[in-house]
Amino acid sequence: EKLINRNALLTNHVRNYKAKAENLAESERRLTNELDTAKKQAENLAESERRCQDALVDLTNELDSAKKQCLKIDKSKKKYKDAFEEHRDKVANLAVEKASEEQKARMYITV
């Protein structure tokens, strides 16, 4: 009877260890799946970061190009402003000269 009890006890222990082993195997499968998922997420994040870096470089290049274009426009604007002011001054000087000539002509007519 002691052998039967001992056999039953050992059988019970074996059953318990098998159940623990199955639970551990299931835990390992879940953890492996979670690890695989985490790896995929990390890869996706790395790819997203790379795309963001590329977009940042593109935007920086566009910004630099826009700044250069603005500088060219400012230079052209200054050039045209200077030309306009020079022309305005010439017209004003011509008007003064013409008025002066008219005054001289009146003086000759009067004399």
N, C-alpha and C. Protein backbone atom coordinates (compact mmCIF):
# COMPACT_ATOMS: atom_id res chain seq x y z
N GLU A 1 0.83 -1.18 0.00
CA GLU A 1 0.00 0.00 0.00
C GLU A 1 0.89 1.26 0.00
N LYS A 2 2.00 1.17 0.72
CA LYS A 2 2.93 2.30 0.73
C LYS A 2 3.45 2.57 -0.68
N LEU A 3 3.69 1.50 -1.42
CA LEU A 3 4.17 1.66 -2.79
C LEU A 3 3.10 2.31 -3.67
N ILE A 4 1.87 1.91 -3.45
CA ILE A 4 0.76 2.48 -4.23
C ILE A 4 0.62 3.97 -3.92
N ASN A 5 0.68 4.30 -2.62
CA ASN A 5 0.60 5.71 -2.21
C ASN A 5 1.79 6.51 -2.77
N ARG A 6 2.94 5.85 -2.66
CA ARG A 6 4.16 6.50 -3.15
C ARG A 6 4.06 6.71 -4.66
N ASN A 7 3.56 5.72 -5.37
CA ASN A 7 3.37 5.79 -6.81
C ASN A 7 2.36 6.89 -7.16
N ALA A 8 1.28 6.97 -6.42
CA ALA A 8 0.25 7.99 -6.66
C ALA A 8 0.84 9.39 -6.41
N LEU A 9 1.61 9.51 -5.35
CA LEU A 9 2.24 10.79 -5.02
C LEU A 9 3.19 11.21 -6.13
N LEU A 10 4.01 10.27 -6.60
CA LEU A 10 4.95 10.59 -7.67
C LEU A 10 4.21 10.93 -8.97
N THR A 11 3.15 10.19 -9.25
CA THR A 11 2.35 10.45 -10.44
C THR A 11 1.76 11.86 -10.36
N ASN A 12 1.30 12.23 -9.19
CA ASN A 12 0.75 13.57 -8.97
C ASN A 12 1.81 14.64 -9.18
N HIS A 13 3.01 14.39 -8.65
CA HIS A 13 4.12 15.32 -8.85
C HIS A 13 4.46 15.46 -10.33
N VAL A 14 4.48 14.32 -11.02
CA VAL A 14 4.79 14.35 -12.45
C VAL A 14 3.74 15.17 -13.19
N ARG A 15 2.46 14.96 -12.86
CA ARG A 15 1.36 15.71 -13.48
C ARG A 15 1.53 17.23 -13.22
N ASN A 16 1.87 17.55 -11.97
CA ASN A 16 2.05 18.96 -11.63
C ASN A 16 3.23 19.58 -12.41
N TYR A 17 4.33 18.85 -12.49
CA TYR A 17 5.48 19.37 -13.23
C TYR A 17 5.18 19.48 -14.72
N LYS A 18 4.42 18.54 -15.27
CA LYS A 18 4.03 18.62 -16.69
C LYS A 18 3.16 19.85 -16.92
N ALA A 19 2.22 20.09 -16.00
CA ALA A 19 1.35 21.26 -16.12
C ALA A 19 2.18 22.55 -16.03
N LYS A 20 3.14 22.57 -15.10
CA LYS A 20 4.01 23.74 -14.97
C LYS A 20 4.84 23.93 -16.25
N ALA A 21 5.33 22.82 -16.78
CA ALA A 21 6.13 22.89 -18.01
C ALA A 21 5.27 23.42 -19.17
N GLU A 22 4.03 22.96 -19.27
CA GLU A 22 3.14 23.45 -20.34
C GLU A 22 2.85 24.94 -20.16
N ASN A 23 2.61 25.34 -18.91
CA ASN A 23 2.37 26.76 -18.62
C ASN A 23 3.59 27.61 -18.99
N LEU A 24 4.78 27.09 -18.62
CA LEU A 24 6.01 27.81 -18.97
C LEU A 24 6.19 27.88 -20.49
N ALA A 25 5.88 26.80 -21.19
CA ALA A 25 6.01 26.79 -22.65
C ALA A 25 5.03 27.80 -23.26
N GLU A 26 3.82 27.85 -22.74
CA GLU A 26 2.82 28.81 -23.23
C GLU A 26 3.28 30.25 -22.95
N SER A 27 3.82 30.47 -21.76
CA SER A 27 4.36 31.80 -21.42
C SER A 27 5.49 32.18 -22.36
N GLU A 28 6.35 31.19 -22.63
CA GLU A 28 7.46 31.46 -23.55
C GLU A 28 6.94 31.82 -24.94
N ARG A 29 5.88 31.12 -25.42
CA ARG A 29 5.30 31.44 -26.73
C ARG A 29 4.73 32.86 -26.73
N ARG A 30 3.99 33.21 -25.67
CA ARG A 30 3.41 34.56 -25.58
C ARG A 30 4.51 35.63 -25.56
N LEU A 31 5.54 35.37 -24.75
CA LEU A 31 6.64 36.33 -24.67
C LEU A 31 7.38 36.45 -26.00
N THR A 32 7.54 35.34 -26.69
CA THR A 32 8.19 35.35 -28.01
C THR A 32 7.35 36.17 -28.99
N ASN A 33 6.02 35.96 -28.95
CA ASN A 33 5.14 36.74 -29.83
C ASN A 33 5.21 38.23 -29.49
N GLU A 34 5.21 38.55 -28.20
CA GLU A 34 5.31 39.94 -27.78
C GLU A 34 6.65 40.55 -28.21
N LEU A 35 7.71 39.76 -28.10
CA LEU A 35 9.02 40.22 -28.53
C LEU A 35 9.04 40.47 -30.03
N ASP A 36 8.46 39.56 -30.80
CA ASP A 36 8.38 39.74 -32.26
C ASP A 36 7.59 41.01 -32.60
N THR A 37 6.48 41.20 -31.89
CA THR A 37 5.67 42.40 -32.12
C THR A 37 6.46 43.65 -31.78
N ALA A 38 7.18 43.62 -30.67
CA ALA A 38 7.99 44.77 -30.26
C ALA A 38 9.09 45.04 -31.28
N LYS A 39 9.69 43.97 -31.82
CA LYS A 39 10.73 44.15 -32.84
C LYS A 39 10.15 44.80 -34.09
N LYS A 40 8.95 44.35 -34.51
CA LYS A 40 8.31 44.93 -35.69
C LYS A 40 7.99 46.40 -35.44
N GLN A 41 7.48 46.70 -34.24
CA GLN A 41 7.18 48.10 -33.91
C GLN A 41 8.45 48.95 -33.93
N ALA A 42 9.53 48.40 -33.41
CA ALA A 42 10.80 49.13 -33.41
C ALA A 42 11.27 49.38 -34.84
N GLU A 43 11.12 48.37 -35.71
CA GLU A 43 11.50 48.54 -37.11
C GLU A 43 10.63 49.60 -37.78
N ASN A 44 9.32 49.56 -37.49
CA ASN A 44 8.41 50.56 -38.06
C ASN A 44 8.76 51.96 -37.57
N LEU A 45 9.08 52.07 -36.30
CA LEU A 45 9.46 53.38 -35.75
C LEU A 45 10.75 53.88 -36.39
N ALA A 46 11.70 52.97 -36.57
CA ALA A 46 12.97 53.35 -37.20
C ALA A 46 12.72 53.83 -38.64
N GLU A 47 11.84 53.14 -39.34
CA GLU A 47 11.50 53.54 -40.72
C GLU A 47 10.79 54.90 -40.72
N SER A 48 9.88 55.08 -39.78
CA SER A 48 9.18 56.37 -39.67
C SER A 48 10.17 57.49 -39.35
N GLU A 49 11.11 57.21 -38.48
CA GLU A 49 12.12 58.21 -38.14
C GLU A 49 12.97 58.56 -39.36
N ARG A 50 13.32 57.54 -40.13
CA ARG A 50 14.11 57.77 -41.34
C ARG A 50 13.33 58.65 -42.32
N ARG A 51 12.04 58.34 -42.50
CA ARG A 51 11.22 59.14 -43.41
C ARG A 51 11.09 60.58 -42.90
N CYS A 52 10.95 60.73 -41.60
CA CYS A 52 10.88 62.07 -41.01
C CYS A 52 12.18 62.84 -41.23
N GLN A 53 13.30 62.14 -41.06
CA GLN A 53 14.60 62.79 -41.30
C GLN A 53 14.72 63.22 -42.76
N ASP A 54 14.29 62.35 -43.67
CA ASP A 54 14.33 62.69 -45.09
C ASP A 54 13.45 63.90 -45.38
N ALA A 55 12.24 63.91 -44.79
CA ALA A 55 11.32 65.03 -44.99
C ALA A 55 11.92 66.30 -44.42
N LEU A 56 12.59 66.19 -43.28
CA LEU A 56 13.23 67.36 -42.67
C LEU A 56 14.32 67.92 -43.58
N VAL A 57 15.10 67.03 -44.16
CA VAL A 57 16.15 67.47 -45.09
C VAL A 57 15.52 68.16 -46.30
N ASP A 58 14.44 67.57 -46.84
CA ASP A 58 13.76 68.18 -47.98
C ASP A 58 13.22 69.56 -47.63
N LEU A 59 12.59 69.67 -46.46
CA LEU A 59 12.04 70.95 -46.04
C LEU A 59 13.13 71.98 -45.80
N THR A 60 14.24 71.54 -45.24
CA THR A 60 15.37 72.45 -45.02
C THR A 60 15.90 72.96 -46.35
N ASN A 61 16.00 72.06 -47.32
CA ASN A 61 16.47 72.47 -48.66
C ASN A 61 15.49 73.46 -49.30
N GLU A 62 14.19 73.18 -49.15
CA GLU A 62 13.18 74.10 -49.69
C GLU A 62 13.27 75.46 -49.02
N LEU A 63 13.47 75.45 -47.71
CA LEU A 63 13.59 76.71 -46.96
C LEU A 63 14.81 77.50 -47.44
N ASP A 64 15.94 76.82 -47.61
CA ASP A 64 17.14 77.49 -48.11
C ASP A 64 16.90 78.08 -49.49
N SER A 65 16.23 77.32 -50.33
CA SER A 65 15.92 77.79 -51.68
C SER A 65 15.01 79.02 -51.63
N ALA A 66 14.01 78.97 -50.76
CA ALA A 66 13.09 80.10 -50.62
C ALA A 66 13.82 81.34 -50.10
N LYS A 67 14.75 81.14 -49.16
CA LYS A 67 15.54 82.27 -48.65
C LYS A 67 16.36 82.90 -49.77
N LYS A 68 17.00 82.06 -50.59
CA LYS A 68 17.80 82.57 -51.71
C LYS A 68 16.93 83.36 -52.68
N GLN A 69 15.73 82.82 -52.93
CA GLN A 69 14.81 83.48 -53.83
C GLN A 69 14.39 84.84 -53.26
N CYS A 70 14.14 84.88 -51.96
CA CYS A 70 13.77 86.15 -51.30
C CYS A 70 14.91 87.16 -51.40
N LEU A 71 16.15 86.69 -51.22
CA LEU A 71 17.29 87.60 -51.36
C LEU A 71 17.37 88.16 -52.77
N LYS A 72 17.16 87.32 -53.78
CA LYS A 72 17.18 87.79 -55.17
C LYS A 72 16.08 88.83 -55.39
N ILE A 73 14.90 88.54 -54.85
CA ILE A 73 13.78 89.47 -55.01
C ILE A 73 14.10 90.80 -54.32
N ASP A 74 14.67 90.73 -53.12
CA ASP A 74 15.05 91.96 -52.41
C ASP A 74 16.06 92.77 -53.20
N LYS A 75 17.05 92.08 -53.81
CA LYS A 75 18.05 92.78 -54.61
C LYS A 75 17.39 93.45 -55.82
N SER A 76 16.50 92.71 -56.49
CA SER A 76 15.80 93.27 -57.65
C SER A 76 14.93 94.45 -57.22
N LYS A 77 14.27 94.30 -56.11
CA LYS A 77 13.40 95.36 -55.59
C LYS A 77 14.22 96.62 -55.33
N LYS A 78 15.38 96.45 -54.71
CA LYS A 78 16.26 97.60 -54.42
C LYS A 78 16.74 98.23 -55.72
N LYS A 79 17.10 97.38 -56.68
CA LYS A 79 17.60 97.89 -57.97
C LYS A 79 16.51 98.73 -58.65
N TYR A 80 15.28 98.21 -58.68
CA TYR A 80 14.19 98.95 -59.32
C TYR A 80 13.83 100.20 -58.53
N LYS A 81 13.91 100.13 -57.22
CA LYS A 81 13.63 101.31 -56.40
C LYS A 81 14.66 102.40 -56.66
N ASP A 82 15.93 101.98 -56.70
CA ASP A 82 17.00 102.94 -56.99
C ASP A 82 16.82 103.56 -58.37
N ALA A 83 16.48 102.73 -59.35
CA ALA A 83 16.27 103.23 -60.72
C ALA A 83 15.09 104.20 -60.76
N PHE A 84 14.02 103.85 -60.04
CA PHE A 84 12.85 104.72 -60.00
C PHE A 84 13.20 106.07 -59.37
N GLU A 85 13.93 106.04 -58.26
CA GLU A 85 14.31 107.28 -57.58
C GLU A 85 15.22 108.14 -58.47
N GLU A 86 16.14 107.49 -59.18
CA GLU A 86 17.03 108.22 -60.09
C GLU A 86 16.22 108.87 -61.21
N HIS A 87 15.27 108.12 -61.76
CA HIS A 87 14.42 108.65 -62.83
C HIS A 87 13.57 109.81 -62.30
N ARG A 88 13.01 109.65 -61.11
CA ARG A 88 12.19 110.69 -60.49
C ARG A 88 13.02 111.97 -60.31
N ASP A 89 14.26 111.80 -59.84
CA ASP A 89 15.14 112.96 -59.66
C ASP A 89 15.45 113.64 -60.99
N LYS A 90 15.68 112.83 -62.04
CA LYS A 90 15.95 113.42 -63.37
C LYS A 90 14.75 114.21 -63.86
N VAL A 91 13.56 113.63 -63.68
CA VAL A 91 12.33 114.31 -64.12
C VAL A 91 12.17 115.62 -63.34
N ALA A 92 12.42 115.55 -62.04
CA ALA A 92 12.31 116.77 -61.22
C ALA A 92 13.31 117.81 -61.67
N ASN A 93 14.53 117.40 -61.94
CA ASN A 93 15.56 118.34 -62.42
C ASN A 93 15.18 118.94 -63.77
N LEU A 94 14.65 118.10 -64.66
CA LEU A 94 14.21 118.61 -65.97
C LEU A 94 13.08 119.62 -65.81
N ALA A 95 12.17 119.33 -64.89
CA ALA A 95 11.06 120.27 -64.66
C ALA A 95 11.59 121.59 -64.14
N VAL A 96 12.56 121.54 -63.25
CA VAL A 96 13.17 122.77 -62.72
C VAL A 96 13.87 123.52 -63.85
N GLU A 97 14.60 122.80 -64.68
CA GLU A 97 15.30 123.44 -65.80
C GLU A 97 14.32 124.09 -66.77
N LYS A 98 13.24 123.35 -67.06
CA LYS A 98 12.25 123.87 -68.00
C LYS A 98 11.59 125.12 -67.42
N ALA A 99 11.26 125.07 -66.14
CA ALA A 99 10.65 126.23 -65.49
C ALA A 99 11.63 127.41 -65.52
N SER A 100 12.88 127.11 -65.30
CA SER A 100 13.91 128.16 -65.32
C SER A 100 14.02 128.76 -66.72
N GLU A 101 14.00 127.91 -67.74
CA GLU A 101 14.08 128.38 -69.12
C GLU A 101 12.87 129.25 -69.46
N GLU A 102 11.69 128.82 -69.00
CA GLU A 102 10.47 129.61 -69.25
C GLU A 102 10.58 130.98 -68.59
N GLN A 103 11.13 130.99 -67.37
CA GLN A 103 11.31 132.27 -66.68
C GLN A 103 12.28 133.16 -67.46
N LYS A 104 13.36 132.56 -67.95
CA LYS A 104 14.35 133.33 -68.72
C LYS A 104 13.69 133.87 -69.99
N ALA A 105 12.89 133.01 -70.64
CA ALA A 105 12.21 133.42 -71.87
C ALA A 105 11.27 134.58 -71.58
N ARG A 106 10.55 134.56 -70.50
CA ARG A 106 9.65 135.64 -70.12
C ARG A 106 10.43 136.93 -69.89
N MET A 107 11.58 136.75 -69.29
CA MET A 107 12.40 137.92 -69.02
C MET A 107 12.86 138.57 -70.32
N TYR A 108 13.23 137.75 -71.33
CA TYR A 108 13.67 138.28 -72.61
C TYR A 108 12.52 138.96 -73.31
N ILE A 109 11.31 138.33 -73.21
CA ILE A 109 10.16 138.91 -73.86
C ILE A 109 9.84 140.26 -73.23
N THR A 110 9.95 140.30 -71.92
CA THR A 110 9.65 141.53 -71.20
C THR A 110 10.66 142.63 -71.55
N VAL A 111 11.90 142.24 -71.71
CA VAL A 111 12.95 143.21 -71.99
C VAL A 111 12.80 143.60 -73.41
